[in-house]
Protein backbone atom coordinates (compact mmCIF):
# COMPACT_ATOMS: atom_id res chain seq x y z
CA MET A 1 27.52 -19.93 -125.55
CA LYS A 2 30.63 -21.68 -125.81
CA LYS A 3 32.43 -23.39 -122.77
CA GLU A 4 36.20 -22.41 -122.89
CA ASN A 5 38.04 -25.33 -121.85
CA THR A 6 41.05 -23.43 -119.99
CA PRO A 7 42.47 -24.85 -116.83
CA LEU A 8 41.98 -23.06 -113.52
CA SER A 9 45.13 -21.19 -111.94
CA LEU A 10 45.57 -18.83 -109.75
CA LYS A 11 47.37 -16.38 -111.59
CA THR A 12 44.04 -15.70 -113.35
CA ILE A 13 42.39 -14.37 -109.65
CA PRO A 14 42.92 -10.83 -109.48
CA LYS A 15 44.85 -9.85 -106.11
CA GLU A 16 42.75 -7.31 -104.95
CA LYS A 17 40.39 -7.93 -101.66
CA PRO A 18 37.07 -7.70 -102.52
CA PHE A 19 36.10 -7.12 -98.79
CA THR A 20 36.78 -4.30 -96.37
CA VAL A 21 36.82 -3.91 -92.43
CA PRO A 22 35.50 -0.78 -90.68
CA ASP A 23 38.21 1.33 -89.06
CA GLY A 24 38.98 0.54 -85.37
CA TYR A 25 36.70 -2.92 -85.91
CA PHE A 26 39.32 -5.04 -84.11
CA GLU A 27 40.16 -2.49 -81.59
CA GLN A 28 36.43 -2.66 -80.23
CA PHE A 29 35.84 -6.59 -81.39
CA ALA A 30 36.79 -8.14 -77.67
CA LEU A 31 34.77 -5.61 -76.04
CA ASN A 32 31.71 -5.99 -78.59
CA ILE A 33 31.73 -10.02 -77.91
CA ASP A 34 32.12 -9.35 -74.13
CA GLN A 35 28.85 -7.10 -74.13
CA GLN A 36 27.28 -9.55 -76.16
CA ILE A 37 27.70 -13.03 -74.24
CA ALA A 38 27.56 -11.10 -70.68
CA PRO A 39 24.70 -12.33 -68.36
CA LYS A 40 21.87 -10.32 -68.53
CA HIS A 41 19.51 -11.66 -66.00
CA ILE A 42 20.84 -12.10 -62.35
CA VAL A 43 18.50 -13.67 -59.84
CA ARG A 44 18.91 -11.99 -56.41
CA PRO A 45 18.92 -14.19 -53.60
CA LEU A 46 16.23 -12.42 -52.12
CA ARG A 47 13.78 -13.29 -54.96
CA ARG A 48 14.95 -17.08 -54.31
CA TRP A 49 13.52 -16.59 -50.72
CA MET A 50 10.41 -14.86 -51.91
CA TYR A 51 9.66 -17.54 -54.45
CA ALA A 52 10.31 -20.62 -51.39
CA ALA A 53 7.99 -18.44 -49.06
CA ALA A 54 5.49 -18.41 -51.59
CA MET A 55 5.60 -22.38 -52.39
CA PHE A 56 5.59 -22.93 -48.65
CA ALA A 57 2.60 -20.84 -48.27
CA GLY A 58 0.80 -22.44 -51.03
CA ILE A 59 1.55 -26.00 -49.53
CA ILE A 60 0.31 -24.84 -46.09
CA ALA A 61 -3.38 -23.40 -47.68
CA ILE A 62 -3.61 -26.83 -49.69
CA GLY A 63 -2.98 -28.82 -46.73
CA VAL A 64 -5.50 -26.38 -44.12
CA MET A 65 -8.12 -26.89 -47.23
CA SER A 66 -7.50 -30.63 -47.43
CA TYR A 67 -7.89 -31.13 -43.72
CA LEU A 68 -11.10 -28.97 -43.52
CA LEU A 69 -12.66 -31.01 -46.46
CA TYR A 70 -11.76 -34.57 -44.81
CA LYS A 71 -13.16 -33.38 -41.53
CA ASP A 72 -16.40 -31.93 -42.81
CA ASN A 73 -16.76 -35.22 -44.56
CA THR A 74 -16.17 -37.35 -41.54
CA ASP A 75 -18.36 -35.65 -39.19
CA SER A 76 -21.60 -36.28 -41.09
CA GLU A 77 -24.73 -36.88 -38.85
CA PRO A 78 -26.50 -40.13 -38.57
CA LEU A 79 -29.13 -40.93 -40.91
CA MET A 80 -32.10 -40.36 -38.03
CA ALA A 81 -31.61 -39.08 -34.78
CA GLU A 82 -32.12 -41.64 -31.79
CA ASP A 83 -34.85 -39.57 -30.12
CA TYR A 84 -36.65 -39.27 -33.71
CA TYR A 85 -36.53 -42.91 -33.98
CA GLU A 86 -37.93 -43.60 -30.30
CA ASN A 87 -40.72 -41.40 -31.37
CA LEU A 88 -41.69 -42.85 -34.34
CA ILE A 89 -41.48 -46.60 -32.59
CA ASN A 90 -43.77 -45.12 -29.73
CA ALA A 91 -46.26 -43.70 -32.44
CA GLY A 92 -46.81 -47.09 -33.45
CA VAL A 93 -45.06 -47.12 -36.71
CA SER A 94 -43.77 -50.45 -37.30
CA GLU A 95 -39.53 -51.23 -37.77
CA ASP A 96 -40.10 -52.59 -41.30
CA LEU A 97 -41.85 -49.49 -42.49
CA LEU A 98 -38.73 -47.25 -41.13
CA VAL A 99 -35.99 -49.34 -42.40
CA GLU A 100 -37.68 -49.45 -45.58
CA TYR A 101 -38.24 -45.30 -45.39
CA ILE A 102 -34.23 -44.98 -44.69
CA LEU A 103 -33.22 -47.13 -47.34
CA ASN A 104 -35.38 -45.12 -50.01
CA GLU A 105 -34.32 -41.89 -48.80
């Protein structure tokens, strides 16, 4: 193929419009744009209160559980009850043997 060395000019371009617009397009254009950009999700104030109440209930539940677990850990029983210790001493068990038993337990 041979290239033609002719200068470009607007006179060589046809004056026909290559694109067409559907009938009534610009009359409905503004309405179509408004429908496309309109907010679709509206958060109702009642839902916000429900979310806040659920979060508050969750925080209270976590607080109560934490308190109960902490309380259980601090109310631990002594390693050996005093009455049991006195009975062992009265039975003739040496104090060194009792200390060794408690440490190894």
